[in-house]
Amino acid sequence: MTAEVTRGSHETSWRLTVSFMALLIALWGWIFVNVPALKDLALLYLLFTFAAITLGGLAYVSNSAYPFAVLGFPLLSDIAEPTFAGAAAGLLWIPVSATFKLVVGMQVAIYTTFPPLIAYLFAFLISASEEAFFRGTILPMVVRLAQNKPIGVIITSIAFASLHWLAYEAAPAYLVSAFFFSILVSYMTLQYRTAWPAMIAHATYNLAVVYSLIGAPAWT
């Protein structure tokens, strides 16, 4: 089961992994301090990011059954395929999600109320932090405990959809879409043995949604 779920240390770019997670912490900290209206959400996602780093780090150090290596990103020489696969999945989900009306009112308000650069940054950060937590640590943990990939995927997807209900008071249609999106990116994570393609898929979709609502940000 280990070889099927995890990515070996020799296959993992720890420099990229650590740098990216540190960037997430720094950017969420900046939002927490500088965007008071998003303070509560920034704190929530800071906790998710810290939890992913802590759980993954402890698992890596202890060499336990809960692998950090799924959160670990591929070597730069191997990163192209999961990146393109994730981007394609995110783009393909756009017409699928239209059936479920995936974007909830609270997210629309965030994307349309704040300056465009803040909206784009927020959309990217929630994608990365959610995937680091759910796909990078929770999914492999549950799969290992259950000794069953489909069960692990379903449990993780229920938890993922529940977050959107609790944090955004999402409607049932949104929760259904979030659940099926979670199944898609969970199997991508298990296929590539890294959360990287799930992050790319989620970020691609979220950024496309923001673009559809407010267009490209003005740089001047």
C-alpha atoms as a PDB file:
ATOM      1  CA  MET A   1       0.000   0.000   0.000  1.00  0.00           C
ATOM      2  CA  THR A   2       2.863   2.413   0.800  1.00  0.00           C
ATOM      3  CA  ALA A   3       4.335   2.339  -2.680  1.00  0.00           C
ATOM      4  CA  GLU A   4       0.883   2.856  -4.181  1.00  0.00           C
ATOM      5  CA  VAL A   5       0.067   5.963  -2.142  1.00  0.00           C
ATOM      6  CA  THR A   6       3.305   7.765  -1.393  1.00  0.00           C
ATOM      7  CA  ARG A   7       6.091   9.351  -3.368  1.00  0.00           C
ATOM      8  CA  GLY A   8       9.572   8.341  -2.291  1.00  0.00           C
ATOM      9  CA  SER A   9      11.977  10.973  -0.998  1.00  0.00           C
ATOM     10  CA  HIS A  10      14.160  10.530  -4.068  1.00  0.00           C
ATOM     11  CA  GLU A  11      11.124  11.441  -6.217  1.00  0.00           C
ATOM     12  CA  THR A  12      10.194  14.510  -4.187  1.00  0.00           C
ATOM     13  CA  SER A  13      11.412  18.098  -4.440  1.00  0.00           C
ATOM     14  CA  TRP A  14      11.549  19.050  -0.778  1.00  0.00           C
ATOM     15  CA  ARG A  15      12.963  22.467  -1.613  1.00  0.00           C
ATOM     16  CA  LEU A  16       9.914  23.255  -3.744  1.00  0.00           C
ATOM     17  CA  THR A  17       7.544  21.755  -1.187  1.00  0.00           C
ATOM     18  CA  VAL A  18       8.919  23.678   1.786  1.00  0.00           C
ATOM     19  CA  SER A  19       9.230  26.928  -0.177  1.00  0.00           C
ATOM     20  CA  PHE A  20       5.643  26.702  -1.428  1.00  0.00           C
ATOM     21  CA  MET A  21       4.184  25.941   1.991  1.00  0.00           C
ATOM     22  CA  ALA A  22       6.184  28.790   3.542  1.00  0.00           C
ATOM     23  CA  LEU A  23       4.799  31.095   0.844  1.00  0.00           C
ATOM     24  CA  LEU A  24       1.247  30.057   1.733  1.00  0.00           C
ATOM     25  CA  ILE A  25       1.834  30.839   5.397  1.00  0.00           C
ATOM     26  CA  ALA A  26       3.337  34.226   4.560  1.00  0.00           C
ATOM     27  CA  LEU A  27       0.528  35.244   2.211  1.00  0.00           C
ATOM     28  CA  TRP A  28      -2.233  34.152   4.562  1.00  0.00           C
ATOM     29  CA  GLY A  29      -0.486  36.085   7.315  1.00  0.00           C
ATOM     30  CA  TRP A  30      -0.425  39.159   5.085  1.00  0.00           C
ATOM     31  CA  ILE A  31      -4.162  38.855   4.402  1.00  0.00           C
ATOM     32  CA  PHE A  32      -4.873  38.316   8.101  1.00  0.00           C
ATOM     33  CA  VAL A  33      -3.061  41.545   8.992  1.00  0.00           C
ATOM     34  CA  ASN A  34      -3.978  43.743   6.030  1.00  0.00           C
ATOM     35  CA  VAL A  35      -7.496  42.674   4.953  1.00  0.00           C
ATOM     36  CA  PRO A  36      -9.673  42.846   8.103  1.00  0.00           C
ATOM     37  CA  ALA A  37     -12.832  41.677   6.308  1.00  0.00           C
ATOM     38  CA  LEU A  38     -11.101  38.387   5.459  1.00  0.00           C
ATOM     39  CA  LYS A  39      -9.464  37.989   8.860  1.00  0.00           C
ATOM     40  CA  ASP A  40     -11.622  35.060  10.017  1.00  0.00           C
ATOM     41  CA  LEU A  41     -11.215  33.119   6.786  1.00  0.00           C
ATOM     42  CA  ALA A  42      -7.482  33.856   6.739  1.00  0.00           C
ATOM     43  CA  LEU A  43      -7.187  32.431  10.256  1.00  0.00           C
ATOM     44  CA  LEU A  44      -9.143  29.326   9.251  1.00  0.00           C
ATOM     45  CA  TYR A  45      -6.907  28.667   6.257  1.00  0.00           C
ATOM     46  CA  LEU A  46      -3.775  29.423   8.241  1.00  0.00           C
ATOM     47  CA  LEU A  47      -4.856  26.666  10.613  1.00  0.00           C
ATOM     48  CA  PHE A  48      -5.446  24.288   7.697  1.00  0.00           C
ATOM     49  CA  THR A  49      -2.016  25.067   6.281  1.00  0.00           C
ATOM     50  CA  PHE A  50      -0.273  24.667   9.631  1.00  0.00           C
ATOM     51  CA  ALA A  51      -2.147  21.391  10.179  1.00  0.00           C
ATOM     52  CA  ALA A  52      -1.000  20.063   6.815  1.00  0.00           C
ATOM     53  CA  ILE A  53       2.613  20.981   7.551  1.00  0.00           C
ATOM     54  CA  THR A  54       2.481  19.650  11.115  1.00  0.00           C
ATOM     55  CA  LEU A  55       0.751  16.356  10.361  1.00  0.00           C
ATOM     56  CA  GLY A  56       2.877  15.772   7.305  1.00  0.00           C
ATOM     57  CA  GLY A  57       6.086  16.725   9.012  1.00  0.00           C
ATOM     58  CA  LEU A  58       5.445  14.485  12.006  1.00  0.00           C
ATOM     59  CA  ALA A  59       4.567  11.605   9.727  1.00  0.00           C
ATOM     60  CA  TYR A  60       7.716  12.095   7.684  1.00  0.00           C
ATOM     61  CA  VAL A  61       9.964  12.323  10.748  1.00  0.00           C
ATOM     62  CA  SER A  62       8.368   9.321  12.463  1.00  0.00           C
ATOM     63  CA  ASN A  63       8.193   7.292   9.238  1.00  0.00           C
ATOM     64  CA  SER A  64       4.711   6.266  10.312  1.00  0.00           C
ATOM     65  CA  ALA A  65       1.841   4.990   8.205  1.00  0.00           C
ATOM     66  CA  TYR A  66       0.760   8.547   7.457  1.00  0.00           C
ATOM     67  CA  PRO A  67       2.996   9.770   4.651  1.00  0.00           C
ATOM     68  CA  PHE A  68       4.127  13.349   4.137  1.00  0.00           C
ATOM     69  CA  ALA A  69       5.301  12.367   0.659  1.00  0.00           C
ATOM     70  CA  VAL A  70       1.868  12.858  -0.936  1.00  0.00           C
ATOM     71  CA  LEU A  71       2.097  16.538  -0.030  1.00  0.00           C
ATOM     72  CA  GLY A  72       5.651  16.525  -1.370  1.00  0.00           C
ATOM     73  CA  PHE A  73       5.803  17.969  -4.873  1.00  0.00           C
ATOM     74  CA  PRO A  74       7.414  16.193  -7.830  1.00  0.00           C
ATOM     75  CA  LEU A  75      10.939  16.869  -8.928  1.00  0.00           C
ATOM     76  CA  LEU A  76      11.108  19.695 -11.439  1.00  0.00           C
ATOM     77  CA  SER A  77      12.125  17.171 -14.098  1.00  0.00           C
ATOM     78  CA  ASP A  78       8.837  15.287 -13.507  1.00  0.00           C
ATOM     79  CA  ILE A  79       6.480  18.173 -12.788  1.00  0.00           C
ATOM     80  CA  ALA A  80       5.199  18.881 -16.310  1.00  0.00           C
ATOM     81  CA  GLU A  81       2.778  15.951 -16.653  1.00  0.00           C
ATOM     82  CA  PRO A  82       0.924  16.374 -13.312  1.00  0.00           C
ATOM     83  CA  THR A  83       0.820  20.134 -13.897  1.00  0.00           C
ATOM     84  CA  PHE A  84      -0.819  19.802 -17.307  1.00  0.00           C
ATOM     85  CA  ALA A  85      -3.139  17.075 -16.014  1.00  0.00           C
ATOM     86  CA  GLY A  86      -4.232  19.300 -13.129  1.00  0.00           C
ATOM     87  CA  ALA A  87      -4.794  22.323 -15.378  1.00  0.00           C
ATOM     88  CA  ALA A  88      -6.839  20.225 -17.809  1.00  0.00           C
ATOM     89  CA  ALA A  89      -8.982  18.858 -14.972  1.00  0.00           C
ATOM     90  CA  GLY A  90      -9.622  22.354 -13.652  1.00  0.00           C
ATOM     91  CA  LEU A  91     -10.672  23.649 -17.070  1.00  0.00           C
ATOM     92  CA  LEU A  92     -12.847  20.620 -17.784  1.00  0.00           C
ATOM     93  CA  TRP A  93     -14.640  21.111 -14.464  1.00  0.00           C
ATOM     94  CA  ILE A  94     -15.907  24.548 -15.513  1.00  0.00           C
ATOM     95  CA  PRO A  95     -18.773  23.249 -17.719  1.00  0.00           C
ATOM     96  CA  VAL A  96     -19.474  20.457 -15.222  1.00  0.00           C
ATOM     97  CA  SER A  97     -19.786  22.871 -12.314  1.00  0.00           C
ATOM     98  CA  ALA A  98     -22.129  25.105 -14.281  1.00  0.00           C
ATOM     99  CA  THR A  99     -24.723  22.361 -13.885  1.00  0.00           C
ATOM    100  CA  PHE A 100     -24.432  22.634 -10.099  1.00  0.00           C
ATOM    101  CA  LYS A 101     -23.951  26.423  -9.899  1.00  0.00           C
ATOM    102  CA  LEU A 102     -20.758  25.875  -7.942  1.00  0.00           C
ATOM    103  CA  VAL A 103     -19.945  29.442  -6.893  1.00  0.00           C
ATOM    104  CA  VAL A 104     -21.802  30.463  -3.754  1.00  0.00           C
ATOM    105  CA  GLY A 105     -22.977  33.950  -2.888  1.00  0.00           C
ATOM    106  CA  MET A 106     -20.338  34.488  -0.232  1.00  0.00           C
ATOM    107  CA  GLN A 107     -17.539  33.702  -2.670  1.00  0.00           C
ATOM    108  CA  VAL A 108     -19.075  35.958  -5.320  1.00  0.00           C
ATOM    109  CA  ALA A 109     -19.188  38.756  -2.763  1.00  0.00           C
ATOM    110  CA  ILE A 110     -15.518  38.248  -1.911  1.00  0.00           C
ATOM    111  CA  TYR A 111     -14.441  38.121  -5.540  1.00  0.00           C
ATOM    112  CA  THR A 112     -16.449  41.162  -6.582  1.00  0.00           C
ATOM    113  CA  THR A 113     -16.091  43.377  -3.501  1.00  0.00           C
ATOM    114  CA  PHE A 114     -12.349  43.382  -2.980  1.00  0.00           C
ATOM    115  CA  PRO A 115      -9.675  44.766  -5.331  1.00  0.00           C
ATOM    116  CA  PRO A 116      -9.017  42.327  -8.198  1.00  0.00           C
ATOM    117  CA  LEU A 117      -5.532  41.388  -7.033  1.00  0.00           C
ATOM    118  CA  ILE A 118      -6.895  40.485  -3.576  1.00  0.00           C
ATOM    119  CA  ALA A 119      -9.689  38.449  -5.194  1.00  0.00           C
ATOM    120  CA  TYR A 120      -7.239  36.516  -7.382  1.00  0.00           C
ATOM    121  CA  LEU A 121      -4.834  35.991  -4.484  1.00  0.00           C
ATOM    122  CA  PHE A 122      -7.627  34.735  -2.230  1.00  0.00           C
ATOM    123  CA  ALA A 123      -8.893  32.328  -4.923  1.00  0.00           C
ATOM    124  CA  PHE A 124      -5.399  30.900  -5.378  1.00  0.00           C
ATOM    125  CA  LEU A 125      -4.657  30.608  -1.671  1.00  0.00           C
ATOM    126  CA  ILE A 126      -7.849  28.793  -0.714  1.00  0.00           C
ATOM    127  CA  SER A 127      -7.191  26.297  -3.517  1.00  0.00           C
ATOM    128  CA  ALA A 128      -3.644  25.573  -2.378  1.00  0.00           C
ATOM    129  CA  SER A 129      -4.402  25.367   1.345  1.00  0.00           C
ATOM    130  CA  GLU A 130      -7.493  23.186   0.946  1.00  0.00           C
ATOM    131  CA  GLU A 131      -5.599  20.747  -1.262  1.00  0.00           C
ATOM    132  CA  ALA A 132      -2.544  20.719   0.995  1.00  0.00           C
ATOM    133  CA  PHE A 133      -4.777  19.714   3.896  1.00  0.00           C
ATOM    134  CA  PHE A 134      -7.327  17.406   2.281  1.00  0.00           C
ATOM    135  CA  ARG A 135      -5.300  15.825  -0.507  1.00  0.00           C
ATOM    136  CA  GLY A 136      -1.828  16.247   0.964  1.00  0.00           C
ATOM    137  CA  THR A 137      -2.485  14.800   4.421  1.00  0.00           C
ATOM    138  CA  ILE A 138      -6.081  13.713   5.126  1.00  0.00           C
ATOM    139  CA  LEU A 139      -6.533  11.568   2.015  1.00  0.00           C
ATOM    140  CA  PRO A 140      -3.414   9.416   2.506  1.00  0.00           C
ATOM    141  CA  MET A 141      -4.133   9.084   6.209  1.00  0.00           C
ATOM    142  CA  VAL A 142      -7.678   7.844   5.640  1.00  0.00           C
ATOM    143  CA  VAL A 143      -6.608   5.535   2.804  1.00  0.00           C
ATOM    144  CA  ARG A 144      -3.955   4.012   5.043  1.00  0.00           C
ATOM    145  CA  LEU A 145      -6.321   3.586   7.981  1.00  0.00           C
ATOM    146  CA  ALA A 146      -9.106   2.128   5.852  1.00  0.00           C
ATOM    147  CA  GLN A 147      -6.725   0.086   3.691  1.00  0.00           C
ATOM    148  CA  ASN A 148      -9.112   0.947   0.878  1.00  0.00           C
ATOM    149  CA  LYS A 149      -8.712   3.718  -1.697  1.00  0.00           C
ATOM    150  CA  PRO A 150     -12.408   4.229  -2.635  1.00  0.00           C
ATOM    151  CA  ILE A 151     -13.435   4.477   1.020  1.00  0.00           C
ATOM    152  CA  GLY A 152     -10.613   6.917   1.688  1.00  0.00           C
ATOM    153  CA  VAL A 153     -11.644   9.033  -1.293  1.00  0.00           C
ATOM    154  CA  ILE A 154     -15.309   9.118  -0.257  1.00  0.00           C
ATOM    155  CA  ILE A 155     -14.583  10.019   3.395  1.00  0.00           C
ATOM    156  CA  THR A 156     -12.165  12.745   2.334  1.00  0.00           C
ATOM    157  CA  SER A 157     -14.693  14.112  -0.150  1.00  0.00           C
ATOM    158  CA  ILE A 158     -17.442  14.261   2.475  1.00  0.00           C
ATOM    159  CA  ALA A 159     -15.083  16.204   4.755  1.00  0.00           C
ATOM    160  CA  PHE A 160     -14.115  18.510   1.873  1.00  0.00           C
ATOM    161  CA  ALA A 161     -17.746  19.289   1.027  1.00  0.00           C
ATOM    162  CA  SER A 162     -18.530  19.809   4.714  1.00  0.00           C
ATOM    163  CA  LEU A 163     -15.866  22.513   4.926  1.00  0.00           C
ATOM    164  CA  HIS A 164     -17.664  24.497   2.242  1.00  0.00           C
ATOM    165  CA  TRP A 165     -20.950  24.126   4.085  1.00  0.00           C
ATOM    166  CA  LEU A 166     -19.434  25.304   7.373  1.00  0.00           C
ATOM    167  CA  ALA A 167     -17.213  28.083   6.006  1.00  0.00           C
ATOM    168  CA  TYR A 168     -19.420  29.408   3.198  1.00  0.00           C
ATOM    169  CA  GLU A 169     -22.920  28.170   4.092  1.00  0.00           C
ATOM    170  CA  ALA A 170     -23.051  26.585   0.656  1.00  0.00           C
ATOM    171  CA  ALA A 171     -26.284  25.382  -0.915  1.00  0.00           C
ATOM    172  CA  PRO A 172     -26.863  21.636  -1.491  1.00  0.00           C
ATOM    173  CA  ALA A 173     -26.034  21.914  -5.208  1.00  0.00           C
ATOM    174  CA  TYR A 174     -22.670  23.454  -4.346  1.00  0.00           C
ATOM    175  CA  LEU A 175     -21.954  20.660  -1.879  1.00  0.00           C
ATOM    176  CA  VAL A 176     -22.739  18.010  -4.499  1.00  0.00           C
ATOM    177  CA  SER A 177     -20.365  19.653  -6.944  1.00  0.00           C
ATOM    178  CA  ALA A 178     -17.650  20.024  -4.305  1.00  0.00           C
ATOM    179  CA  PHE A 179     -18.041  16.351  -3.403  1.00  0.00           C
ATOM    180  CA  PHE A 180     -17.593  15.138  -6.985  1.00  0.00           C
ATOM    181  CA  PHE A 181     -14.750  17.569  -7.636  1.00  0.00           C
ATOM    182  CA  SER A 182     -13.062  16.162  -4.548  1.00  0.00           C
ATOM    183  CA  ILE A 183     -13.432  12.626  -5.895  1.00  0.00           C
ATOM    184  CA  LEU A 184     -11.790  13.701  -9.168  1.00  0.00           C
ATOM    185  CA  VAL A 185      -8.770  15.394  -7.599  1.00  0.00           C
ATOM    186  CA  SER A 186      -8.434  12.696  -4.930  1.00  0.00           C
ATOM    187  CA  TYR A 187      -7.968  10.028  -7.583  1.00  0.00           C
ATOM    188  CA  MET A 188      -5.527  12.317  -9.391  1.00  0.00           C
ATOM    189  CA  THR A 189      -3.580  12.603  -6.139  1.00  0.00           C
ATOM    190  CA  LEU A 190      -3.453   8.834  -5.728  1.00  0.00           C
ATOM    191  CA  GLN A 191      -2.506   8.388  -9.386  1.00  0.00           C
ATOM    192  CA  TYR A 192       0.422  10.815  -9.247  1.00  0.00           C
ATOM    193  CA  ARG A 193       1.187  10.249  -5.549  1.00  0.00           C
ATOM    194  CA  THR A 194       1.338  13.989  -4.878  1.00  0.00           C
ATOM    195  CA  ALA A 195      -1.153  16.750  -4.085  1.00  0.00           C
ATOM    196  CA  TRP A 196       0.401  18.986  -6.750  1.00  0.00           C
ATOM    197  CA  PRO A 197      -2.053  18.195  -9.605  1.00  0.00           C
ATOM    198  CA  ALA A 198      -5.015  18.671  -7.235  1.00  0.00           C
ATOM    199  CA  MET A 199      -3.679  22.106  -6.303  1.00  0.00           C
ATOM    200  CA  ILE A 200      -3.252  23.016  -9.969  1.00  0.00           C
ATOM    201  CA  ALA A 201      -6.760  21.765 -10.843  1.00  0.00           C
ATOM    202  CA  HIS A 202      -8.380  23.640  -7.963  1.00  0.00           C
ATOM    203  CA  ALA A 203      -6.430  26.851  -8.600  1.00  0.00           C
ATOM    204  CA  THR A 204      -7.146  26.720 -12.336  1.00  0.00           C
ATOM    205  CA  TYR A 205     -10.860  26.387 -11.700  1.00  0.00           C
ATOM    206  CA  ASN A 206     -11.020  29.082  -9.007  1.00  0.00           C
ATOM    207  CA  LEU A 207      -9.005  31.576 -11.028  1.00  0.00           C
ATOM    208  CA  ALA A 208     -11.194  30.938 -14.077  1.00  0.00           C
ATOM    209  CA  VAL A 209     -14.266  31.668 -11.943  1.00  0.00           C
ATOM    210  CA  VAL A 210     -12.766  34.927 -10.721  1.00  0.00           C
ATOM    211  CA  TYR A 211     -11.890  35.914 -14.282  1.00  0.00           C
ATOM    212  CA  SER A 212     -15.469  35.238 -15.384  1.00  0.00           C
ATOM    213  CA  LEU A 213     -16.752  37.533 -12.619  1.00  0.00           C
ATOM    214  CA  ILE A 214     -14.354  40.465 -12.700  1.00  0.00           C
ATOM    215  CA  GLY A 215     -12.079  40.046 -15.702  1.00  0.00           C
ATOM    216  CA  ALA A 216      -8.315  40.444 -15.646  1.00  0.00           C
ATOM    217  CA  PRO A 217      -6.784  42.558 -12.871  1.00  0.00           C
ATOM    218  CA  ALA A 218      -5.509  45.993 -13.794  1.00  0.00           C
ATOM    219  CA  TRP A 219      -1.791  46.326 -13.145  1.00  0.00           C
ATOM    220  CA  THR A 220      -1.718  50.111 -13.289  1.00  0.00           C
END
